C-alpha atoms as a PDB file:
ATOM      1  CA  MET A   1      -2.180  -1.824 -30.203  1.00  0.00           C
ATOM      2  CA  SER A   2      -4.950   0.097 -32.160  1.00  0.00           C
ATOM      3  CA  VAL A   3      -8.526  -0.920 -31.735  1.00  0.00           C
ATOM      4  CA  ASN A   4     -10.081  -2.095 -34.959  1.00  0.00           C
ATOM      5  CA  LYS A   5     -12.099   0.793 -36.560  1.00  0.00           C
ATOM      6  CA  GLU A   6     -15.003  -1.659 -37.188  1.00  0.00           C
ATOM      7  CA  ILE A   7     -15.602  -2.239 -33.433  1.00  0.00           C
ATOM      8  CA  LYS A   8     -19.084  -1.174 -32.506  1.00  0.00           C
ATOM      9  CA  LYS A   9     -19.599   1.973 -30.460  1.00  0.00           C
ATOM     10  CA  VAL A  10     -20.199   1.456 -26.777  1.00  0.00           C
ATOM     11  CA  THR A  11     -23.693   2.567 -25.765  1.00  0.00           C
ATOM     12  CA  THR A  12     -25.692   2.570 -22.582  1.00  0.00           C
ATOM     13  CA  ASN A  13     -27.150  -0.666 -23.794  1.00  0.00           C
ATOM     14  CA  THR A  14     -23.639  -2.174 -24.055  1.00  0.00           C
ATOM     15  CA  LEU A  15     -23.123  -1.369 -20.373  1.00  0.00           C
ATOM     16  CA  GLN A  16     -26.413  -2.927 -19.388  1.00  0.00           C
ATOM     17  CA  LYS A  17     -25.411  -6.170 -21.243  1.00  0.00           C
ATOM     18  CA  MET A  18     -21.927  -6.065 -19.632  1.00  0.00           C
ATOM     19  CA  LYS A  19     -23.532  -6.023 -16.174  1.00  0.00           C
ATOM     20  CA  ALA A  20     -25.879  -8.899 -17.127  1.00  0.00           C
ATOM     21  CA  ASN A  21     -22.890 -10.928 -18.435  1.00  0.00           C
ATOM     22  CA  GLY A  22     -20.678 -10.116 -15.446  1.00  0.00           C
ATOM     23  CA  GLU A  23     -18.151  -8.266 -17.601  1.00  0.00           C
ATOM     24  CA  LYS A  24     -16.483  -5.384 -15.789  1.00  0.00           C
ATOM     25  CA  ILE A  25     -16.696  -1.862 -17.226  1.00  0.00           C
ATOM     26  CA  SER A  26     -13.586   0.311 -17.551  1.00  0.00           C
ATOM     27  CA  MET A  27     -13.830   4.039 -17.287  1.00  0.00           C
ATOM     28  CA  LEU A  28     -11.366   6.964 -17.026  1.00  0.00           C
ATOM     29  CA  THR A  29     -11.646  10.687 -17.081  1.00  0.00           C
ATOM     30  CA  ALA A  30     -10.229  12.722 -19.971  1.00  0.00           C
ATOM     31  CA  TYR A  31     -10.405  16.460 -20.713  1.00  0.00           C
ATOM     32  CA  ASP A  32      -8.725  16.966 -24.116  1.00  0.00           C
ATOM     33  CA  PHE A  33      -8.452  15.504 -27.660  1.00  0.00           C
ATOM     34  CA  SER A  34      -4.993  13.801 -27.371  1.00  0.00           C
ATOM     35  CA  PHE A  35      -5.666  11.752 -24.272  1.00  0.00           C
ATOM     36  CA  ALA A  36      -9.252  10.904 -25.328  1.00  0.00           C
ATOM     37  CA  LYS A  37      -7.871   9.485 -28.595  1.00  0.00           C
ATOM     38  CA  LEU A  38      -5.291   7.364 -26.769  1.00  0.00           C
ATOM     39  CA  PHE A  39      -7.842   6.059 -24.285  1.00  0.00           C
ATOM     40  CA  ASP A  40     -10.341   5.319 -27.034  1.00  0.00           C
ATOM     41  CA  GLU A  41      -7.726   3.420 -29.122  1.00  0.00           C
ATOM     42  CA  ALA A  42      -6.692   1.459 -25.912  1.00  0.00           C
ATOM     43  CA  GLY A  43     -10.231   0.035 -25.765  1.00  0.00           C
ATOM     44  CA  LEU A  44     -11.680   1.895 -22.776  1.00  0.00           C
ATOM     45  CA  GLU A  45     -15.521   1.482 -22.590  1.00  0.00           C
ATOM     46  CA  VAL A  46     -16.361   4.910 -20.986  1.00  0.00           C
ATOM     47  CA  ILE A  47     -14.725   8.242 -20.954  1.00  0.00           C
ATOM     48  CA  LEU A  48     -15.877  10.682 -18.311  1.00  0.00           C
ATOM     49  CA  VAL A  49     -15.400  14.365 -18.976  1.00  0.00           C
ATOM     50  CA  GLY A  50     -15.223  15.062 -15.265  1.00  0.00           C
ATOM     51  CA  ASP A  51     -15.698  18.296 -13.395  1.00  0.00           C
ATOM     52  CA  SER A  52     -12.396  17.206 -11.846  1.00  0.00           C
ATOM     53  CA  ALA A  53     -11.120  19.321 -14.757  1.00  0.00           C
ATOM     54  CA  SER A  54     -11.577  22.115 -12.206  1.00  0.00           C
ATOM     55  CA  ASN A  55      -8.769  20.496 -10.131  1.00  0.00           C
ATOM     56  CA  VAL A  56      -6.400  18.807 -12.579  1.00  0.00           C
ATOM     57  CA  MET A  57      -6.711  21.227 -15.494  1.00  0.00           C
ATOM     58  CA  ALA A  58      -7.395  24.594 -13.914  1.00  0.00           C
ATOM     59  CA  GLY A  59      -5.735  24.191 -10.508  1.00  0.00           C
ATOM     60  CA  HIS A  60      -8.768  24.894  -8.380  1.00  0.00           C
ATOM     61  CA  GLU A  61      -9.054  23.370  -4.883  1.00  0.00           C
ATOM     62  CA  THR A  62     -12.602  22.001  -5.521  1.00  0.00           C
ATOM     63  CA  THR A  63     -14.829  21.121  -8.405  1.00  0.00           C
ATOM     64  CA  LEU A  64     -17.150  24.031  -7.657  1.00  0.00           C
ATOM     65  CA  PRO A  65     -15.612  26.889  -9.815  1.00  0.00           C
ATOM     66  CA  ILE A  66     -15.821  25.163 -13.248  1.00  0.00           C
ATOM     67  CA  THR A  67     -18.532  26.557 -15.538  1.00  0.00           C
ATOM     68  CA  LEU A  68     -20.942  25.013 -17.984  1.00  0.00           C
ATOM     69  CA  ASP A  69     -19.141  26.780 -20.773  1.00  0.00           C
ATOM     70  CA  GLN A  70     -15.789  25.298 -19.638  1.00  0.00           C
ATOM     71  CA  MET A  71     -17.246  21.755 -19.299  1.00  0.00           C
ATOM     72  CA  ILE A  72     -18.629  22.127 -22.877  1.00  0.00           C
ATOM     73  CA  TYR A  73     -15.195  23.193 -24.203  1.00  0.00           C
ATOM     74  CA  HIS A  74     -13.561  20.089 -22.572  1.00  0.00           C
ATOM     75  CA  ALA A  75     -16.343  17.775 -23.841  1.00  0.00           C
ATOM     76  CA  GLN A  76     -16.019  19.115 -27.371  1.00  0.00           C
ATOM     77  CA  SER A  77     -12.271  18.348 -27.291  1.00  0.00           C
ATOM     78  CA  VAL A  78     -12.810  14.855 -26.025  1.00  0.00           C
ATOM     79  CA  ILE A  79     -15.567  14.021 -28.532  1.00  0.00           C
ATOM     80  CA  ARG A  80     -13.207  14.922 -31.376  1.00  0.00           C
ATOM     81  CA  GLY A  81     -10.717  12.212 -30.230  1.00  0.00           C
ATOM     82  CA  THR A  82     -13.402   9.477 -29.574  1.00  0.00           C
ATOM     83  CA  HIS A  83     -14.826   7.006 -31.988  1.00  0.00           C
ATOM     84  CA  ARG A  84     -15.741   3.988 -29.859  1.00  0.00           C
ATOM     85  CA  ALA A  85     -16.064   4.831 -26.252  1.00  0.00           C
ATOM     86  CA  LEU A  86     -19.212   6.222 -24.516  1.00  0.00           C
ATOM     87  CA  VAL A  87     -18.554   9.779 -23.455  1.00  0.00           C
ATOM     88  CA  ILE A  88     -20.310  11.111 -20.412  1.00  0.00           C
ATOM     89  CA  VAL A  89     -20.061  14.711 -19.187  1.00  0.00           C
ATOM     90  CA  ASP A  90     -20.471  16.014 -15.688  1.00  0.00           C
ATOM     91  CA  LEU A  91     -23.161  18.666 -15.164  1.00  0.00           C
ATOM     92  CA  PRO A  92     -21.141  21.230 -13.144  1.00  0.00           C
ATOM     93  CA  PHE A  93     -22.073  22.773  -9.831  1.00  0.00           C
ATOM     94  CA  GLY A  94     -24.840  25.351 -10.172  1.00  0.00           C
ATOM     95  CA  SER A  95     -26.067  24.035 -13.573  1.00  0.00           C
ATOM     96  CA  TYR A  96     -28.794  21.792 -12.163  1.00  0.00           C
ATOM     97  CA  GLN A  97     -29.338  22.033  -8.400  1.00  0.00           C
ATOM     98  CA  GLY A  98     -32.744  23.022  -7.090  1.00  0.00           C
ATOM     99  CA  ASN A  99     -34.392  23.667 -10.489  1.00  0.00           C
ATOM    100  CA  SER A 100     -35.295  20.930 -12.993  1.00  0.00           C
ATOM    101  CA  GLU A 101     -35.878  23.468 -15.727  1.00  0.00           C
ATOM    102  CA  VAL A 102     -32.338  24.841 -15.358  1.00  0.00           C
ATOM    103  CA  ALA A 103     -31.065  21.279 -15.230  1.00  0.00           C
ATOM    104  CA  LEU A 104     -32.802  20.386 -18.462  1.00  0.00           C
ATOM    105  CA  ALA A 105     -31.540  23.534 -20.209  1.00  0.00           C
ATOM    106  CA  SER A 106     -27.940  22.760 -19.089  1.00  0.00           C
ATOM    107  CA  ALA A 107     -28.213  19.138 -20.251  1.00  0.00           C
ATOM    108  CA  ILE A 108     -29.555  20.172 -23.690  1.00  0.00           C
ATOM    109  CA  ARG A 109     -26.729  22.698 -24.169  1.00  0.00           C
ATOM    110  CA  ILE A 110     -24.136  20.007 -23.362  1.00  0.00           C
ATOM    111  CA  MET A 111     -25.798  17.436 -25.771  1.00  0.00           C
ATOM    112  CA  LYS A 112     -26.283  20.016 -28.617  1.00  0.00           C
ATOM    113  CA  GLU A 113     -22.922  21.715 -28.404  1.00  0.00           C
ATOM    114  CA  THR A 114     -20.699  18.767 -27.681  1.00  0.00           C
ATOM    115  CA  GLY A 115     -22.019  15.597 -29.314  1.00  0.00           C
ATOM    116  CA  ALA A 116     -21.513  13.808 -25.944  1.00  0.00           C
ATOM    117  CA  HIS A 117     -23.595  10.551 -25.269  1.00  0.00           C
ATOM    118  CA  GLY A 118     -24.845  11.342 -21.782  1.00  0.00           C
ATOM    119  CA  LEU A 119     -24.465  13.165 -18.571  1.00  0.00           C
ATOM    120  CA  LYS A 120     -23.614  12.509 -14.922  1.00  0.00           C
ATOM    121  CA  ILE A 121     -25.231  14.292 -12.009  1.00  0.00           C
ATOM    122  CA  GLU A 122     -24.491  14.174  -8.273  1.00  0.00           C
ATOM    123  CA  GLY A 123     -27.160  13.475  -5.624  1.00  0.00           C
ATOM    124  CA  GLY A 124     -30.053  11.310  -4.804  1.00  0.00           C
ATOM    125  CA  GLU A 125     -33.686  12.032  -3.907  1.00  0.00           C
ATOM    126  CA  GLU A 126     -33.098  15.828  -4.168  1.00  0.00           C
ATOM    127  CA  ILE A 127     -32.311  15.617  -7.877  1.00  0.00           C
ATOM    128  CA  GLU A 128     -35.015  13.061  -8.804  1.00  0.00           C
ATOM    129  CA  ASP A 129     -37.163  15.593 -10.668  1.00  0.00           C
ATOM    130  CA  SER A 130     -34.177  16.855 -12.679  1.00  0.00           C
ATOM    131  CA  VAL A 131     -33.245  13.306 -13.626  1.00  0.00           C
ATOM    132  CA  LYS A 132     -36.687  12.456 -14.792  1.00  0.00           C
ATOM    133  CA  LYS A 133     -36.946  15.758 -16.784  1.00  0.00           C
ATOM    134  CA  ILE A 134     -33.573  15.185 -18.581  1.00  0.00           C
ATOM    135  CA  VAL A 135     -34.360  11.561 -19.250  1.00  0.00           C
ATOM    136  CA  SER A 136     -37.700  12.426 -20.638  1.00  0.00           C
ATOM    137  CA  ALA A 137     -35.979  14.602 -23.178  1.00  0.00           C
ATOM    138  CA  GLY A 138     -34.101  11.487 -24.397  1.00  0.00           C
ATOM    139  CA  ILE A 139     -30.827  12.312 -22.697  1.00  0.00           C
ATOM    140  CA  PRO A 140     -29.031   9.419 -20.871  1.00  0.00           C
ATOM    141  CA  VAL A 141     -28.173  10.230 -17.272  1.00  0.00           C
ATOM    142  CA  MET A 142     -25.721   8.584 -14.876  1.00  0.00           C
ATOM    143  CA  GLY A 143     -26.131   9.151 -11.166  1.00  0.00           C
ATOM    144  CA  HIS A 144     -23.372   9.699  -8.550  1.00  0.00           C
ATOM    145  CA  LEU A 145     -23.750   8.820  -4.807  1.00  0.00           C
ATOM    146  CA  GLY A 146     -21.487   8.485  -1.792  1.00  0.00           C
ATOM    147  CA  LEU A 147     -18.830  11.146  -1.723  1.00  0.00           C
ATOM    148  CA  THR A 148     -20.127  13.767  -3.956  1.00  0.00           C
ATOM    149  CA  PRO A 149     -17.360  16.331  -4.428  1.00  0.00           C
ATOM    150  CA  GLN A 150     -19.685  19.181  -5.373  1.00  0.00           C
ATOM    151  CA  SER A 151     -21.052  18.999  -1.782  1.00  0.00           C
ATOM    152  CA  ILE A 152     -17.628  19.124  -0.155  1.00  0.00           C
ATOM    153  CA  TYR A 153     -18.380  22.198   1.891  1.00  0.00           C
ATOM    154  CA  GLN A 154     -21.451  20.465   3.268  1.00  0.00           C
ATOM    155  CA  PHE A 155     -19.404  17.356   4.160  1.00  0.00           C
ATOM    156  CA  GLY A 156     -16.416  19.334   5.275  1.00  0.00           C
ATOM    157  CA  THR A 157     -14.130  16.303   4.486  1.00  0.00           C
ATOM    158  CA  TYR A 158     -13.244  13.858   1.708  1.00  0.00           C
ATOM    159  CA  ASN A 159     -13.401  10.891   4.044  1.00  0.00           C
ATOM    160  CA  VAL A 160     -15.350   7.759   3.278  1.00  0.00           C
ATOM    161  CA  ARG A 161     -19.133   8.241   3.251  1.00  0.00           C
ATOM    162  CA  ALA A 162     -22.021   6.094   4.481  1.00  0.00           C
ATOM    163  CA  LYS A 163     -20.288   4.196   7.199  1.00  0.00           C
ATOM    164  CA  GLU A 164     -23.135   5.082   9.614  1.00  0.00           C
ATOM    165  CA  GLU A 165     -26.306   3.162   9.221  1.00  0.00           C
ATOM    166  CA  ALA A 166     -28.526   6.167   8.543  1.00  0.00           C
ATOM    167  CA  GLU A 167     -26.393   7.458   5.682  1.00  0.00           C
ATOM    168  CA  ALA A 168     -25.964   3.930   4.318  1.00  0.00           C
ATOM    169  CA  ASN A 169     -29.802   3.521   4.262  1.00  0.00           C
ATOM    170  CA  LYS A 170     -30.267   6.798   2.562  1.00  0.00           C
ATOM    171  CA  LEU A 171     -27.668   5.847  -0.091  1.00  0.00           C
ATOM    172  CA  LYS A 172     -29.457   2.508  -0.744  1.00  0.00           C
ATOM    173  CA  LYS A 173     -32.800   4.320  -1.078  1.00  0.00           C
ATOM    174  CA  ASP A 174     -31.316   7.008  -3.347  1.00  0.00           C
ATOM    175  CA  ALA A 175     -29.752   4.405  -5.604  1.00  0.00           C
ATOM    176  CA  LEU A 176     -33.229   2.857  -6.258  1.00  0.00           C
ATOM    177  CA  ILE A 177     -34.768   6.391  -6.685  1.00  0.00           C
ATOM    178  CA  LEU A 178     -32.069   7.137  -9.379  1.00  0.00           C
ATOM    179  CA  GLN A 179     -32.785   3.807 -11.112  1.00  0.00           C
ATOM    180  CA  ASN A 180     -36.488   4.323 -11.033  1.00  0.00           C
ATOM    181  CA  ALA A 181     -36.098   7.955 -12.352  1.00  0.00           C
ATOM    182  CA  GLY A 182     -34.367   6.504 -15.444  1.00  0.00           C
ATOM    183  CA  CYS A 183     -30.586   6.585 -14.772  1.00  0.00           C
ATOM    184  CA  PHE A 184     -28.671   4.151 -16.950  1.00  0.00           C
ATOM    185  CA  GLY A 185     -25.963   3.765 -14.262  1.00  0.00           C
ATOM    186  CA  VAL A 186     -24.625   5.190 -11.034  1.00  0.00           C
ATOM    187  CA  VAL A 187     -21.107   6.104  -9.718  1.00  0.00           C
ATOM    188  CA  LEU A 188     -20.449   5.063  -6.110  1.00  0.00           C
ATOM    189  CA  GLU A 189     -17.551   7.025  -4.563  1.00  0.00           C
ATOM    190  CA  LYS A 190     -15.625   6.312  -1.415  1.00  0.00           C
ATOM    191  CA  ILE A 191     -18.176   4.064   0.361  1.00  0.00           C
ATOM    192  CA  PRO A 192     -17.539   0.672   2.166  1.00  0.00           C
ATOM    193  CA  ALA A 193     -17.104  -2.158  -0.268  1.00  0.00           C
ATOM    194  CA  SER A 194     -19.886  -4.121   1.616  1.00  0.00           C
ATOM    195  CA  LEU A 195     -22.281  -1.392   0.984  1.00  0.00           C
ATOM    196  CA  ALA A 196     -21.308  -1.034  -2.662  1.00  0.00           C
ATOM    197  CA  LYS A 197     -21.840  -4.733  -3.058  1.00  0.00           C
ATOM    198  CA  GLU A 198     -25.259  -4.542  -1.574  1.00  0.00           C
ATOM    199  CA  VAL A 199     -26.294  -1.630  -3.847  1.00  0.00           C
ATOM    200  CA  THR A 200     -24.790  -3.233  -6.927  1.00  0.00           C
ATOM    201  CA  GLU A 201     -26.826  -6.353  -6.330  1.00  0.00           C
ATOM    202  CA  SER A 202     -30.019  -4.417  -5.594  1.00  0.00           C
ATOM    203  CA  LEU A 203     -29.877  -2.568  -8.964  1.00  0.00           C
ATOM    204  CA  THR A 204     -30.447  -3.725 -12.551  1.00  0.00           C
ATOM    205  CA  ILE A 205     -28.374  -0.818 -13.801  1.00  0.00           C
ATOM    206  CA  PRO A 206     -24.565  -0.884 -13.652  1.00  0.00           C
ATOM    207  CA  THR A 207     -22.619   0.644 -10.735  1.00  0.00           C
ATOM    208  CA  ILE A 208     -19.175   2.218 -11.358  1.00  0.00           C
ATOM    209  CA  GLY A 209     -16.936   2.433  -8.272  1.00  0.00           C
ATOM    210  CA  ILE A 210     -14.196   4.810  -7.206  1.00  0.00           C
ATOM    211  CA  GLY A 211     -12.856   3.822  -3.817  1.00  0.00           C
ATOM    212  CA  ALA A 212     -15.851   1.569  -3.400  1.00  0.00           C
ATOM    213  CA  GLY A 213     -14.259  -1.906  -3.711  1.00  0.00           C
ATOM    214  CA  GLY A 214     -14.332  -4.584  -6.189  1.00  0.00           C
ATOM    215  CA  TYR A 215     -17.999  -5.668  -6.191  1.00  0.00           C
ATOM    216  CA  CYS A 216     -19.156  -2.746  -8.522  1.00  0.00           C
ATOM    217  CA  ASP A 217     -19.850  -3.417 -12.165  1.00  0.00           C
ATOM    218  CA  GLY A 218     -17.010  -1.225 -13.195  1.00  0.00           C
ATOM    219  CA  GLN A 219     -14.312   1.153 -12.005  1.00  0.00           C
ATOM    220  CA  VAL A 220     -13.340   4.798 -12.718  1.00  0.00           C
ATOM    221  CA  LEU A 221     -10.194   6.843 -11.874  1.00  0.00           C
ATOM    222  CA  VAL A 222      -9.076  10.269 -12.662  1.00  0.00           C
ATOM    223  CA  MET A 223      -6.457  10.043 -15.429  1.00  0.00           C
ATOM    224  CA  HIS A 224      -4.026  12.364 -13.779  1.00  0.00           C
ATOM    225  CA  ASP A 225      -4.090  10.220 -10.577  1.00  0.00           C
ATOM    226  CA  MET A 226      -3.880   6.902 -12.379  1.00  0.00           C
ATOM    227  CA  LEU A 227      -1.016   7.989 -14.730  1.00  0.00           C
ATOM    228  CA  GLY A 228       0.988   9.653 -11.921  1.00  0.00           C
ATOM    229  CA  ILE A 229       0.818  13.162 -13.432  1.00  0.00           C
ATOM    230  CA  ASN A 230      -0.640  14.386 -10.203  1.00  0.00           C
ATOM    231  CA  SER A 231       1.906  13.044  -7.685  1.00  0.00           C
ATOM    232  CA  GLU A 232       0.547  14.644  -4.452  1.00  0.00           C
ATOM    233  CA  PHE A 233      -2.817  12.769  -4.413  1.00  0.00           C
ATOM    234  CA  LYS A 234      -2.371   9.262  -2.976  1.00  0.00           C
ATOM    235  CA  PRO A 235      -5.534   7.840  -1.375  1.00  0.00           C
ATOM    236  CA  ARG A 236      -5.779   4.176  -0.546  1.00  0.00           C
ATOM    237  CA  PHE A 237      -8.097   3.432  -3.511  1.00  0.00           C
ATOM    238  CA  LEU A 238      -5.700   4.743  -6.179  1.00  0.00           C
ATOM    239  CA  ARG A 239      -3.502   2.390  -8.158  1.00  0.00           C
ATOM    240  CA  GLN A 240      -0.815   4.306  -9.958  1.00  0.00           C
ATOM    241  CA  TYR A 241      -0.019   2.712 -13.301  1.00  0.00           C
ATOM    242  CA  LEU A 242       2.706   5.160 -14.346  1.00  0.00           C
ATOM    243  CA  ASN A 243       4.846   7.838 -12.834  1.00  0.00           C
ATOM    244  CA  LEU A 244       4.566  10.472 -15.600  1.00  0.00           C
ATOM    245  CA  ALA A 245       5.402  13.393 -13.234  1.00  0.00           C
ATOM    246  CA  GLU A 246       8.986  12.036 -12.828  1.00  0.00           C
ATOM    247  CA  ASN A 247       9.285  10.958 -16.504  1.00  0.00           C
ATOM    248  CA  ILE A 248       8.038  14.335 -17.871  1.00  0.00           C
ATOM    249  CA  LYS A 249      10.236  16.356 -15.498  1.00  0.00           C
ATOM    250  CA  GLY A 250      13.204  14.217 -16.455  1.00  0.00           C
ATOM    251  CA  ALA A 251      12.537  14.656 -20.240  1.00  0.00           C
ATOM    252  CA  VAL A 252      12.145  18.419 -19.791  1.00  0.00           C
ATOM    253  CA  GLN A 253      15.366  18.718 -17.801  1.00  0.00           C
ATOM    254  CA  GLN A 254      17.198  16.673 -20.506  1.00  0.00           C
ATOM    255  CA  TYR A 255      15.750  19.092 -23.170  1.00  0.00           C
ATOM    256  CA  ILE A 256      16.835  22.165 -21.218  1.00  0.00           C
ATOM    257  CA  ALA A 257      20.361  20.687 -20.800  1.00  0.00           C
ATOM    258  CA  ASP A 258      20.551  19.791 -24.574  1.00  0.00           C
ATOM    259  CA  VAL A 259      19.483  23.308 -25.589  1.00  0.00           C
ATOM    260  CA  LYS A 260      21.919  24.979 -23.197  1.00  0.00           C
ATOM    261  CA  SER A 261      24.878  22.768 -24.299  1.00  0.00           C
ATOM    262  CA  ASN A 262      23.864  23.317 -28.019  1.00  0.00           C
ATOM    263  CA  ASP A 263      23.495  19.572 -28.436  1.00  0.00           C
ATOM    264  CA  PHE A 264      19.897  20.214 -29.650  1.00  0.00           C
ATOM    265  CA  PRO A 265      19.309  20.646 -32.505  1.00  0.00           C
ATOM    266  CA  ASN A 266      22.206  18.676 -34.095  1.00  0.00           C
ATOM    267  CA  GLU A 267      23.091  18.415 -37.812  1.00  0.00           C
ATOM    268  CA  LYS A 268      20.536  15.712 -38.529  1.00  0.00           C
ATOM    269  CA  GLU A 269      17.798  17.861 -36.876  1.00  0.00           C
ATOM    270  CA  SER A 270      18.640  20.949 -39.032  1.00  0.00           C
ATOM    271  CA  TYR A 271      17.713  21.685 -42.577  1.00  0.00           C
END
């Protein structure tokens, strides 16, 4: 079913109202025009152009190798397919850490060159200055706490974060710092559901969970995981809605067989 063209665009203000009204926010990643168009027409509120493109689109082991130029390319493609959803773009590793001037320059490039509606940045207190600087330039920023994949070599594991009291306390403090710095929302990744509930209730801005239980104001998944394109990745938090890997392989094998048996193209498919 196509979404009516007259439906109003989703904005950061829309998400704020959804939290206030107790209406859950749906968010998925997308990296190209075709999928963005389908997701937008399906009625998704938020599309994240994730640095997970490094994994699912480019085949890297981590999110670290993807560049700002590559993120801009993916974001441009997604924006061309989107009319209603709010499009948020990840600032990639190395484009903001440790220097708020560099962070602002990266943010401005993404906004000017892609037409996206906002950015997402990983980290808490250590990126406070960058968030403030970007927000002061009129650019919406979403935070990201818990398991922050750009810090994977520091963590050394993709296990659940903030199970210990000290890390949980830091996460709670970081969430408030991000809100006070001007973030319009925050992603909570792979943390205990009880902690996510506490953080969600302590903030006036919406929380989006991934592996953080059902108390968050919304949920996000990587499209390749949720659609079963990436069949190797099966964490507990993932609900797979399709098995496209099998369907696509089956279709391609049928195509190969039809070509080889001279069944395709047939008379009706010829001019």
